[in-house]
Amino acid sequence: MHYSSITILYNPKSTGNSKANAEKLHKALQHKGIESDLRPTDHAGHGEELAYELSKASAHPLVISSSGDGGYNEVVNGAMRAKAEGADPTTGVLPSGNANDHYKQVHEGNVVEQIVEGKRRHIDVLTVVTETTDHTHKRYAHSYVGFGVTPEISKELNKAKLNAANEIIISLKSLLKSQPFAIRENGKKQEYQSIVMSNLAKMSKVLGLAKKASEVDDGLFEVFALPPSKPFMFGVIVKSATIGLRYTQQTDKYVFTTIKKQPVQCDGEIFDIKAKATVTVGIEHRALACVV
């Protein structure tokens, strides 16, 4: 694969290494005789806008996000929207955030050498389609989708510098403040404390999922549906941080209807789904071309 353009996006307002990591890759590629462009983002959602525009601008573009999982989520959404319109983008991520889940689980080999040699992988990408009487909305997730306590924990984790001890403490505190949520599945009302659909074996630095079951290119995702019991959830968080959780099912589609407005986390990004919306979480098999 010869890339028609290479663009490295970074957040100049980041408190991490976003700009430094972008410049480091830019210089490493220059040393190999490969030109790339550095582009700063200047507002939330700008990464998605740029990724969409760049993906449509040339035949085989490579768009790299120097960011955490949330910034990369924007790039993936922009690239996948363009791909749905016939573009052929490749994405990449330089780990410059807090958890960097996707990079840690998917990274293989030296990124510079992969670019020089024109190598790229094709992995699965999760989709979340919400439908109401007057609107249909689609979002992509490179790693996981979470409902219930998961978005609440994510908000708190994003505020902290994570390690094994404080991640568990933050998760437990968020759990104590959380409330169960209700949805309709197959016409029946069901209550959960949390539902996570994952394409990775780990969320954040510590919380582990199905370590042996999760594959990023098998056309399936794992579902972790946890009942509305805080004592049970205490045990779940501890188990997740030690030996990892066992999924409740593997599937390529999970459908339900919201009863009330429902927050959802796609990778590091959180948004609300309207009440009485039909939600379909699916997977597009090996649809995301990437260099990680």
C-alpha atoms as a PDB file:
ATOM      1  CA  MET A   1       0.000   0.000   0.000  1.00  0.00           C
ATOM      2  CA  HIS A   2       1.410   3.373  -1.057  1.00  0.00           C
ATOM      3  CA  TYR A   3      -0.275   6.181   0.850  1.00  0.00           C
ATOM      4  CA  SER A   4      -1.392   9.135  -1.230  1.00  0.00           C
ATOM      5  CA  SER A   5      -1.198  11.387   1.842  1.00  0.00           C
ATOM      6  CA  ILE A   6      -0.195  11.058   5.489  1.00  0.00           C
ATOM      7  CA  THR A   7      -1.657  13.418   8.088  1.00  0.00           C
ATOM      8  CA  ILE A   8      -0.954  13.370  11.818  1.00  0.00           C
ATOM      9  CA  LEU A   9      -3.623  15.059  13.936  1.00  0.00           C
ATOM     10  CA  TYR A  10      -2.854  16.344  17.424  1.00  0.00           C
ATOM     11  CA  ASN A  11      -4.544  18.370  20.133  1.00  0.00           C
ATOM     12  CA  PRO A  12      -2.466  21.460  21.011  1.00  0.00           C
ATOM     13  CA  LYS A  13      -4.499  21.907  24.219  1.00  0.00           C
ATOM     14  CA  SER A  14      -3.768  18.380  25.457  1.00  0.00           C
ATOM     15  CA  THR A  15      -2.100  18.086  28.855  1.00  0.00           C
ATOM     16  CA  GLY A  16      -0.420  14.894  27.641  1.00  0.00           C
ATOM     17  CA  ASN A  17       2.058  14.155  24.857  1.00  0.00           C
ATOM     18  CA  SER A  18      -0.236  14.672  21.864  1.00  0.00           C
ATOM     19  CA  LYS A  19       1.861  17.322  20.094  1.00  0.00           C
ATOM     20  CA  ALA A  20       5.227  15.832  21.102  1.00  0.00           C
ATOM     21  CA  ASN A  21       4.279  12.350  19.850  1.00  0.00           C
ATOM     22  CA  ALA A  22       2.954  13.784  16.587  1.00  0.00           C
ATOM     23  CA  GLU A  23       6.165  15.715  15.982  1.00  0.00           C
ATOM     24  CA  LYS A  24       8.272  12.671  16.844  1.00  0.00           C
ATOM     25  CA  LEU A  25       6.509  10.536  14.226  1.00  0.00           C
ATOM     26  CA  HIS A  26       6.683  13.371  11.679  1.00  0.00           C
ATOM     27  CA  LYS A  27      10.470  13.591  12.115  1.00  0.00           C
ATOM     28  CA  ALA A  28      10.905   9.799  12.039  1.00  0.00           C
ATOM     29  CA  LEU A  29       9.054   9.638   8.715  1.00  0.00           C
ATOM     30  CA  GLN A  30      11.124  12.524   7.344  1.00  0.00           C
ATOM     31  CA  HIS A  31      14.255  10.559   8.238  1.00  0.00           C
ATOM     32  CA  LYS A  32      12.892   7.737   6.053  1.00  0.00           C
ATOM     33  CA  GLY A  33      12.187  10.156   3.192  1.00  0.00           C
ATOM     34  CA  ILE A  34       8.417  10.157   3.724  1.00  0.00           C
ATOM     35  CA  GLU A  35       6.486  13.415   3.903  1.00  0.00           C
ATOM     36  CA  SER A  36       3.615  13.929   6.313  1.00  0.00           C
ATOM     37  CA  ASP A  37       1.506  16.870   7.463  1.00  0.00           C
ATOM     38  CA  LEU A  38       0.926  17.914  11.069  1.00  0.00           C
ATOM     39  CA  ARG A  39      -2.587  19.243  11.717  1.00  0.00           C
ATOM     40  CA  PRO A  40      -3.840  20.585  15.057  1.00  0.00           C
ATOM     41  CA  THR A  41      -7.450  20.188  16.150  1.00  0.00           C
ATOM     42  CA  ASP A  42      -9.141  23.167  17.745  1.00  0.00           C
ATOM     43  CA  HIS A  43     -12.501  21.986  19.081  1.00  0.00           C
ATOM     44  CA  ALA A  44     -14.406  18.853  20.077  1.00  0.00           C
ATOM     45  CA  GLY A  45     -15.384  16.899  16.978  1.00  0.00           C
ATOM     46  CA  HIS A  46     -12.749  18.604  14.814  1.00  0.00           C
ATOM     47  CA  GLY A  47     -10.793  15.353  14.516  1.00  0.00           C
ATOM     48  CA  GLU A  48     -13.819  13.688  12.961  1.00  0.00           C
ATOM     49  CA  GLU A  49     -14.341  16.569  10.538  1.00  0.00           C
ATOM     50  CA  LEU A  50     -10.691  16.526   9.454  1.00  0.00           C
ATOM     51  CA  ALA A  51     -10.584  12.738   9.143  1.00  0.00           C
ATOM     52  CA  TYR A  52     -13.670  12.791   6.921  1.00  0.00           C
ATOM     53  CA  GLU A  53     -12.274  15.542   4.689  1.00  0.00           C
ATOM     54  CA  LEU A  54      -8.826  13.955   4.441  1.00  0.00           C
ATOM     55  CA  SER A  55     -10.302  10.518   3.722  1.00  0.00           C
ATOM     56  CA  LYS A  56     -12.199  11.961   0.746  1.00  0.00           C
ATOM     57  CA  ALA A  57      -9.361  14.168  -0.529  1.00  0.00           C
ATOM     58  CA  SER A  58      -7.062  11.525  -2.069  1.00  0.00           C
ATOM     59  CA  ALA A  59      -7.054   7.905  -3.170  1.00  0.00           C
ATOM     60  CA  HIS A  60      -5.334   6.140  -0.260  1.00  0.00           C
ATOM     61  CA  PRO A  61      -4.928   8.534   2.684  1.00  0.00           C
ATOM     62  CA  LEU A  62      -3.461   7.662   6.079  1.00  0.00           C
ATOM     63  CA  VAL A  63      -4.891   9.669   8.996  1.00  0.00           C
ATOM     64  CA  ILE A  64      -3.138   9.234  12.340  1.00  0.00           C
ATOM     65  CA  SER A  65      -4.488  10.526  15.634  1.00  0.00           C
ATOM     66  CA  SER A  66      -1.973  11.457  18.335  1.00  0.00           C
ATOM     67  CA  SER A  67      -4.470  11.107  21.151  1.00  0.00           C
ATOM     68  CA  GLY A  68      -6.225   8.816  23.559  1.00  0.00           C
ATOM     69  CA  ASP A  69      -9.172   6.563  22.785  1.00  0.00           C
ATOM     70  CA  GLY A  70     -11.630   9.465  22.535  1.00  0.00           C
ATOM     71  CA  GLY A  71      -9.592  11.372  19.968  1.00  0.00           C
ATOM     72  CA  TYR A  72      -9.081   8.220  17.943  1.00  0.00           C
ATOM     73  CA  ASN A  73     -12.820   7.558  18.098  1.00  0.00           C
ATOM     74  CA  GLU A  74     -13.347  10.854  16.267  1.00  0.00           C
ATOM     75  CA  VAL A  75     -10.870   9.882  13.533  1.00  0.00           C
ATOM     76  CA  VAL A  76     -12.428   6.433  13.125  1.00  0.00           C
ATOM     77  CA  ASN A  77     -15.917   7.946  12.784  1.00  0.00           C
ATOM     78  CA  GLY A  78     -14.750  10.428  10.158  1.00  0.00           C
ATOM     79  CA  ALA A  79     -12.853   7.773   8.216  1.00  0.00           C
ATOM     80  CA  MET A  80     -15.685   5.229   8.337  1.00  0.00           C
ATOM     81  CA  ARG A  81     -18.257   7.797   7.180  1.00  0.00           C
ATOM     82  CA  ALA A  82     -16.007   8.551   4.213  1.00  0.00           C
ATOM     83  CA  LYS A  83     -15.496   4.840   3.542  1.00  0.00           C
ATOM     84  CA  ALA A  84     -19.282   4.377   3.384  1.00  0.00           C
ATOM     85  CA  GLU A  85     -19.182   6.913   0.548  1.00  0.00           C
ATOM     86  CA  GLY A  86     -16.482   5.028  -1.380  1.00  0.00           C
ATOM     87  CA  ALA A  87     -13.219   6.317   0.130  1.00  0.00           C
ATOM     88  CA  ASP A  88     -10.282   4.065   1.094  1.00  0.00           C
ATOM     89  CA  PRO A  89      -8.760   5.560   4.262  1.00  0.00           C
ATOM     90  CA  THR A  90      -6.345   3.977   6.707  1.00  0.00           C
ATOM     91  CA  THR A  91      -6.252   5.167  10.309  1.00  0.00           C
ATOM     92  CA  GLY A  92      -3.666   5.016  13.069  1.00  0.00           C
ATOM     93  CA  VAL A  93      -3.217   6.113  16.670  1.00  0.00           C
ATOM     94  CA  LEU A  94      -0.235   7.307  18.698  1.00  0.00           C
ATOM     95  CA  PRO A  95      -0.954   6.617  22.403  1.00  0.00           C
ATOM     96  CA  SER A  96      -1.183  10.077  23.937  1.00  0.00           C
ATOM     97  CA  GLY A  97      -4.136   9.810  26.312  1.00  0.00           C
ATOM     98  CA  ASN A  98      -4.956   8.397  29.715  1.00  0.00           C
ATOM     99  CA  ALA A  99      -5.892   4.750  29.200  1.00  0.00           C
ATOM    100  CA  ASN A 100      -4.915   4.158  25.520  1.00  0.00           C
ATOM    101  CA  ASP A 101      -6.896   0.900  25.537  1.00  0.00           C
ATOM    102  CA  HIS A 102      -7.009   0.388  21.791  1.00  0.00           C
ATOM    103  CA  TYR A 103      -3.296   0.881  21.197  1.00  0.00           C
ATOM    104  CA  LYS A 104      -2.304  -1.447  24.037  1.00  0.00           C
ATOM    105  CA  GLN A 105      -4.527  -4.255  22.785  1.00  0.00           C
ATOM    106  CA  VAL A 106      -3.977  -3.920  19.036  1.00  0.00           C
ATOM    107  CA  HIS A 107      -0.402  -2.591  18.664  1.00  0.00           C
ATOM    108  CA  GLU A 108       1.909  -4.800  16.614  1.00  0.00           C
ATOM    109  CA  GLY A 109       5.441  -3.892  15.570  1.00  0.00           C
ATOM    110  CA  ASN A 110       7.018  -0.554  14.713  1.00  0.00           C
ATOM    111  CA  VAL A 111       4.573   2.014  13.314  1.00  0.00           C
ATOM    112  CA  VAL A 112       7.212   3.795  11.218  1.00  0.00           C
ATOM    113  CA  GLU A 113       8.289   0.547   9.583  1.00  0.00           C
ATOM    114  CA  GLN A 114       4.674  -0.406   8.924  1.00  0.00           C
ATOM    115  CA  ILE A 115       4.138   2.900   7.131  1.00  0.00           C
ATOM    116  CA  VAL A 116       7.382   2.597   5.156  1.00  0.00           C
ATOM    117  CA  GLU A 117       6.488  -0.943   4.077  1.00  0.00           C
ATOM    118  CA  GLY A 118       2.875  -0.027   3.319  1.00  0.00           C
ATOM    119  CA  LYS A 119       1.476  -2.583   5.752  1.00  0.00           C
ATOM    120  CA  ARG A 120      -1.966  -2.218   7.275  1.00  0.00           C
ATOM    121  CA  ARG A 121      -4.379  -4.434   9.206  1.00  0.00           C
ATOM    122  CA  HIS A 122      -8.112  -4.822   8.781  1.00  0.00           C
ATOM    123  CA  ILE A 123      -9.978  -5.173  12.072  1.00  0.00           C
ATOM    124  CA  ASP A 124     -13.604  -5.181  13.170  1.00  0.00           C
ATOM    125  CA  VAL A 125     -15.368  -1.973  14.129  1.00  0.00           C
ATOM    126  CA  LEU A 126     -18.439  -1.722  16.370  1.00  0.00           C
ATOM    127  CA  THR A 127     -21.498   0.240  15.244  1.00  0.00           C
ATOM    128  CA  VAL A 128     -24.285   1.844  17.270  1.00  0.00           C
ATOM    129  CA  VAL A 129     -27.418   2.685  15.275  1.00  0.00           C
ATOM    130  CA  THR A 130     -30.235   4.514  17.071  1.00  0.00           C
ATOM    131  CA  GLU A 131     -33.644   4.901  15.448  1.00  0.00           C
ATOM    132  CA  THR A 132     -36.567   7.072  16.525  1.00  0.00           C
ATOM    133  CA  THR A 133     -39.733   7.983  14.651  1.00  0.00           C
ATOM    134  CA  ASP A 134     -38.010  10.931  12.955  1.00  0.00           C
ATOM    135  CA  HIS A 135     -34.275  10.234  13.027  1.00  0.00           C
ATOM    136  CA  THR A 136     -31.611   7.556  12.479  1.00  0.00           C
ATOM    137  CA  HIS A 137     -28.129   8.070  13.895  1.00  0.00           C
ATOM    138  CA  LYS A 138     -25.011   5.915  13.453  1.00  0.00           C
ATOM    139  CA  ARG A 139     -21.752   5.984  15.388  1.00  0.00           C
ATOM    140  CA  TYR A 140     -18.665   3.757  15.278  1.00  0.00           C
ATOM    141  CA  ALA A 141     -16.499   2.465  18.118  1.00  0.00           C
ATOM    142  CA  HIS A 142     -13.038   0.972  17.683  1.00  0.00           C
ATOM    143  CA  SER A 143     -13.021  -0.811  21.052  1.00  0.00           C
ATOM    144  CA  TYR A 144     -16.183  -0.890  23.159  1.00  0.00           C
ATOM    145  CA  VAL A 145     -19.686   0.436  23.777  1.00  0.00           C
ATOM    146  CA  GLY A 146     -21.025   0.827  27.315  1.00  0.00           C
ATOM    147  CA  PHE A 147     -24.382   1.571  28.963  1.00  0.00           C
ATOM    148  CA  GLY A 148     -25.297   2.161  32.613  1.00  0.00           C
ATOM    149  CA  VAL A 149     -22.498   2.600  35.142  1.00  0.00           C
ATOM    150  CA  THR A 150     -19.851   2.349  32.408  1.00  0.00           C
ATOM    151  CA  PRO A 151     -20.211   5.949  31.105  1.00  0.00           C
ATOM    152  CA  GLU A 152     -20.310   7.189  34.706  1.00  0.00           C
ATOM    153  CA  ILE A 153     -17.049   5.413  35.551  1.00  0.00           C
ATOM    154  CA  SER A 154     -15.486   6.668  32.332  1.00  0.00           C
ATOM    155  CA  LYS A 155     -16.216  10.314  33.182  1.00  0.00           C
ATOM    156  CA  GLU A 156     -14.397   9.934  36.496  1.00  0.00           C
ATOM    157  CA  LEU A 157     -11.489   7.916  35.087  1.00  0.00           C
ATOM    158  CA  ASN A 158     -10.879  10.600  32.463  1.00  0.00           C
ATOM    159  CA  LYS A 159     -10.242  13.107  35.252  1.00  0.00           C
ATOM    160  CA  ALA A 160      -7.509  11.051  36.929  1.00  0.00           C
ATOM    161  CA  LYS A 161      -4.024   9.795  36.236  1.00  0.00           C
ATOM    162  CA  LEU A 162      -4.693   6.086  36.413  1.00  0.00           C
ATOM    163  CA  ASN A 163      -2.951   3.274  38.241  1.00  0.00           C
ATOM    164  CA  ALA A 164      -4.073  -0.108  39.550  1.00  0.00           C
ATOM    165  CA  ALA A 165      -5.139   1.258  42.944  1.00  0.00           C
ATOM    166  CA  ASN A 166      -7.000   4.439  42.089  1.00  0.00           C
ATOM    167  CA  GLU A 167      -8.810   2.931  39.097  1.00  0.00           C
ATOM    168  CA  ILE A 168     -10.517   0.385  41.335  1.00  0.00           C
ATOM    169  CA  ILE A 169     -11.308   3.060  43.959  1.00  0.00           C
ATOM    170  CA  ILE A 170     -12.763   5.416  41.320  1.00  0.00           C
ATOM    171  CA  SER A 171     -14.822   2.573  39.835  1.00  0.00           C
ATOM    172  CA  LEU A 172     -16.221   1.597  43.234  1.00  0.00           C
ATOM    173  CA  LYS A 173     -17.128   5.203  44.110  1.00  0.00           C
ATOM    174  CA  SER A 174     -18.910   5.616  40.762  1.00  0.00           C
ATOM    175  CA  LEU A 175     -20.754   2.363  41.384  1.00  0.00           C
ATOM    176  CA  LEU A 176     -22.034   3.580  44.766  1.00  0.00           C
ATOM    177  CA  LYS A 177     -23.529   6.664  43.122  1.00  0.00           C
ATOM    178  CA  SER A 178     -25.000   4.807  40.136  1.00  0.00           C
ATOM    179  CA  GLN A 179     -28.574   3.663  39.591  1.00  0.00           C
ATOM    180  CA  PRO A 180     -29.813   0.674  37.547  1.00  0.00           C
ATOM    181  CA  PHE A 181     -31.316   1.408  34.155  1.00  0.00           C
ATOM    182  CA  ALA A 182     -34.202  -0.274  32.351  1.00  0.00           C
ATOM    183  CA  ILE A 183     -34.551  -1.217  28.681  1.00  0.00           C
ATOM    184  CA  ARG A 184     -36.864  -3.408  26.622  1.00  0.00           C
ATOM    185  CA  GLU A 185     -35.508  -6.574  25.040  1.00  0.00           C
ATOM    186  CA  ASN A 186     -37.818  -8.735  22.924  1.00  0.00           C
ATOM    187  CA  GLY A 187     -40.761  -6.759  24.298  1.00  0.00           C
ATOM    188  CA  LYS A 188     -39.859  -7.370  27.961  1.00  0.00           C
ATOM    189  CA  LYS A 189     -38.595  -4.827  30.460  1.00  0.00           C
ATOM    190  CA  GLN A 190     -35.122  -5.691  31.796  1.00  0.00           C
ATOM    191  CA  GLU A 191     -32.978  -3.926  34.406  1.00  0.00           C
ATOM    192  CA  TYR A 192     -29.168  -3.775  34.407  1.00  0.00           C
ATOM    193  CA  GLN A 193     -26.409  -2.031  36.293  1.00  0.00           C
ATOM    194  CA  SER A 194     -24.172  -2.141  33.236  1.00  0.00           C
ATOM    195  CA  ILE A 195     -23.953  -3.528  29.703  1.00  0.00           C
ATOM    196  CA  VAL A 196     -20.647  -3.491  27.842  1.00  0.00           C
ATOM    197  CA  MET A 197     -20.115  -4.648  24.257  1.00  0.00           C
ATOM    198  CA  SER A 198     -16.407  -5.079  23.653  1.00  0.00           C
ATOM    199  CA  ASN A 199     -14.014  -5.868  20.841  1.00  0.00           C
ATOM    200  CA  LEU A 200     -11.019  -5.763  23.223  1.00  0.00           C
ATOM    201  CA  ALA A 201      -9.842  -7.736  26.229  1.00  0.00           C
ATOM    202  CA  LYS A 202      -9.275  -4.714  28.468  1.00  0.00           C
ATOM    203  CA  MET A 203     -10.852  -1.376  29.368  1.00  0.00           C
ATOM    204  CA  SER A 204      -8.665   1.298  30.961  1.00  0.00           C
ATOM    205  CA  LYS A 205      -5.362   0.347  32.579  1.00  0.00           C
ATOM    206  CA  VAL A 206      -6.683  -2.377  34.849  1.00  0.00           C
ATOM    207  CA  LEU A 207     -10.266  -3.498  34.193  1.00  0.00           C
ATOM    208  CA  GLY A 208     -10.082  -6.752  32.251  1.00  0.00           C
ATOM    209  CA  LEU A 209     -12.724  -8.452  30.142  1.00  0.00           C
ATOM    210  CA  ALA A 210     -12.635 -11.799  28.313  1.00  0.00           C
ATOM    211  CA  LYS A 211      -8.887 -12.073  27.932  1.00  0.00           C
ATOM    212  CA  LYS A 212      -8.826 -15.201  25.782  1.00  0.00           C
ATOM    213  CA  ALA A 213     -12.104 -14.772  23.945  1.00  0.00           C
ATOM    214  CA  SER A 214     -11.722 -11.293  22.492  1.00  0.00           C
ATOM    215  CA  GLU A 215     -10.355 -11.077  18.948  1.00  0.00           C
ATOM    216  CA  VAL A 216     -10.338  -7.872  16.946  1.00  0.00           C
ATOM    217  CA  ASP A 217     -11.087  -9.523  13.606  1.00  0.00           C
ATOM    218  CA  ASP A 218     -13.441 -12.469  14.243  1.00  0.00           C
ATOM    219  CA  GLY A 219     -16.684 -10.697  13.302  1.00  0.00           C
ATOM    220  CA  LEU A 220     -18.059 -10.993  16.843  1.00  0.00           C
ATOM    221  CA  PHE A 221     -18.130  -8.876  19.981  1.00  0.00           C
ATOM    222  CA  GLU A 222     -18.477  -9.915  23.605  1.00  0.00           C
ATOM    223  CA  VAL A 223     -21.436  -8.774  25.721  1.00  0.00           C
ATOM    224  CA  PHE A 224     -21.070  -8.271  29.466  1.00  0.00           C
ATOM    225  CA  ALA A 225     -24.585  -7.737  30.875  1.00  0.00           C
ATOM    226  CA  LEU A 226     -24.534  -7.226  34.644  1.00  0.00           C
ATOM    227  CA  PRO A 227     -27.639  -7.314  36.885  1.00  0.00           C
ATOM    228  CA  PRO A 228     -28.784  -4.431  39.126  1.00  0.00           C
ATOM    229  CA  SER A 229     -26.973  -5.448  42.300  1.00  0.00           C
ATOM    230  CA  LYS A 230     -24.307  -3.238  43.858  1.00  0.00           C
ATOM    231  CA  PRO A 231     -22.854  -6.018  46.045  1.00  0.00           C
ATOM    232  CA  PHE A 232     -22.585  -8.145  42.897  1.00  0.00           C
ATOM    233  CA  MET A 233     -20.956  -5.266  41.034  1.00  0.00           C
ATOM    234  CA  PHE A 234     -18.366  -4.830  43.779  1.00  0.00           C
ATOM    235  CA  GLY A 235     -17.276  -8.392  43.126  1.00  0.00           C
ATOM    236  CA  VAL A 236     -17.363  -7.801  39.381  1.00  0.00           C
ATOM    237  CA  ILE A 237     -14.985  -4.826  39.580  1.00  0.00           C
ATOM    238  CA  VAL A 238     -12.536  -6.727  41.778  1.00  0.00           C
ATOM    239  CA  LYS A 239     -12.712  -9.783  39.505  1.00  0.00           C
ATOM    240  CA  SER A 240     -12.289  -7.611  36.439  1.00  0.00           C
ATOM    241  CA  ALA A 241      -9.135  -6.074  37.898  1.00  0.00           C
ATOM    242  CA  THR A 242      -7.639  -9.462  38.790  1.00  0.00           C
ATOM    243  CA  ILE A 243      -8.595 -12.440  36.620  1.00  0.00           C
ATOM    244  CA  GLY A 244     -10.924 -10.762  34.080  1.00  0.00           C
ATOM    245  CA  LEU A 245     -14.646 -11.153  33.420  1.00  0.00           C
ATOM    246  CA  ARG A 246     -16.328 -13.887  31.455  1.00  0.00           C
ATOM    247  CA  TYR A 247     -18.719 -12.574  28.810  1.00  0.00           C
ATOM    248  CA  THR A 248     -22.440 -13.398  28.931  1.00  0.00           C
ATOM    249  CA  GLN A 249     -22.638 -13.883  25.161  1.00  0.00           C
ATOM    250  CA  GLN A 250     -20.763 -13.490  21.879  1.00  0.00           C
ATOM    251  CA  THR A 251     -22.744 -12.084  18.983  1.00  0.00           C
ATOM    252  CA  ASP A 252     -22.708  -9.798  15.961  1.00  0.00           C
ATOM    253  CA  LYS A 253     -25.908  -7.940  16.916  1.00  0.00           C
ATOM    254  CA  TYR A 254     -27.559  -6.732  20.134  1.00  0.00           C
ATOM    255  CA  VAL A 255     -30.919  -4.944  19.899  1.00  0.00           C
ATOM    256  CA  PHE A 256     -33.001  -3.194  22.560  1.00  0.00           C
ATOM    257  CA  THR A 257     -35.299  -0.200  23.072  1.00  0.00           C
ATOM    258  CA  THR A 258     -34.609   2.596  25.532  1.00  0.00           C
ATOM    259  CA  ILE A 259     -37.294   3.567  28.047  1.00  0.00           C
ATOM    260  CA  LYS A 260     -35.716   6.815  29.255  1.00  0.00           C
ATOM    261  CA  LYS A 261     -32.898   8.943  27.891  1.00  0.00           C
ATOM    262  CA  GLN A 262     -29.838   6.734  28.067  1.00  0.00           C
ATOM    263  CA  PRO A 263     -26.149   7.759  28.124  1.00  0.00           C
ATOM    264  CA  VAL A 264     -23.808   5.584  26.080  1.00  0.00           C
ATOM    265  CA  GLN A 265     -20.032   5.459  25.918  1.00  0.00           C
ATOM    266  CA  CYS A 266     -18.344   4.727  22.586  1.00  0.00           C
ATOM    267  CA  ASP A 267     -14.673   4.295  23.415  1.00  0.00           C
ATOM    268  CA  GLY A 268     -13.877   7.514  25.306  1.00  0.00           C
ATOM    269  CA  GLU A 269     -16.803   9.509  23.890  1.00  0.00           C
ATOM    270  CA  ILE A 270     -20.143   9.829  25.729  1.00  0.00           C
ATOM    271  CA  PHE A 271     -23.477  10.925  24.281  1.00  0.00           C
ATOM    272  CA  ASP A 272     -27.188  10.507  25.079  1.00  0.00           C
ATOM    273  CA  ILE A 273     -29.733   8.332  23.290  1.00  0.00           C
ATOM    274  CA  LYS A 274     -33.332   9.528  23.317  1.00  0.00           C
ATOM    275  CA  ALA A 275     -36.121   7.699  25.118  1.00  0.00           C
ATOM    276  CA  LYS A 276     -38.092   5.104  23.115  1.00  0.00           C
ATOM    277  CA  ALA A 277     -35.274   4.676  20.599  1.00  0.00           C
ATOM    278  CA  THR A 278     -34.421   1.350  18.996  1.00  0.00           C
ATOM    279  CA  VAL A 279     -30.727   0.682  19.555  1.00  0.00           C
ATOM    280  CA  THR A 280     -28.791  -1.809  17.439  1.00  0.00           C
ATOM    281  CA  VAL A 281     -25.190  -2.519  18.357  1.00  0.00           C
ATOM    282  CA  GLY A 282     -23.503  -4.370  15.502  1.00  0.00           C
ATOM    283  CA  ILE A 283     -20.106  -5.054  14.032  1.00  0.00           C
ATOM    284  CA  GLU A 284     -18.589  -4.502  10.601  1.00  0.00           C
ATOM    285  CA  HIS A 285     -16.180  -7.347   9.969  1.00  0.00           C
ATOM    286  CA  ARG A 286     -12.598  -6.270   9.181  1.00  0.00           C
ATOM    287  CA  ALA A 287     -13.911  -2.911   7.961  1.00  0.00           C
ATOM    288  CA  LEU A 288     -11.331  -0.663   9.658  1.00  0.00           C
ATOM    289  CA  ALA A 289      -7.967  -0.443   7.887  1.00  0.00           C
ATOM    290  CA  CYS A 290      -5.336   0.631  10.389  1.00  0.00           C
ATOM    291  CA  VAL A 291      -1.689   1.031  11.259  1.00  0.00           C
ATOM    292  CA  VAL A 292      -1.212   0.667  15.015  1.00  0.00           C
END
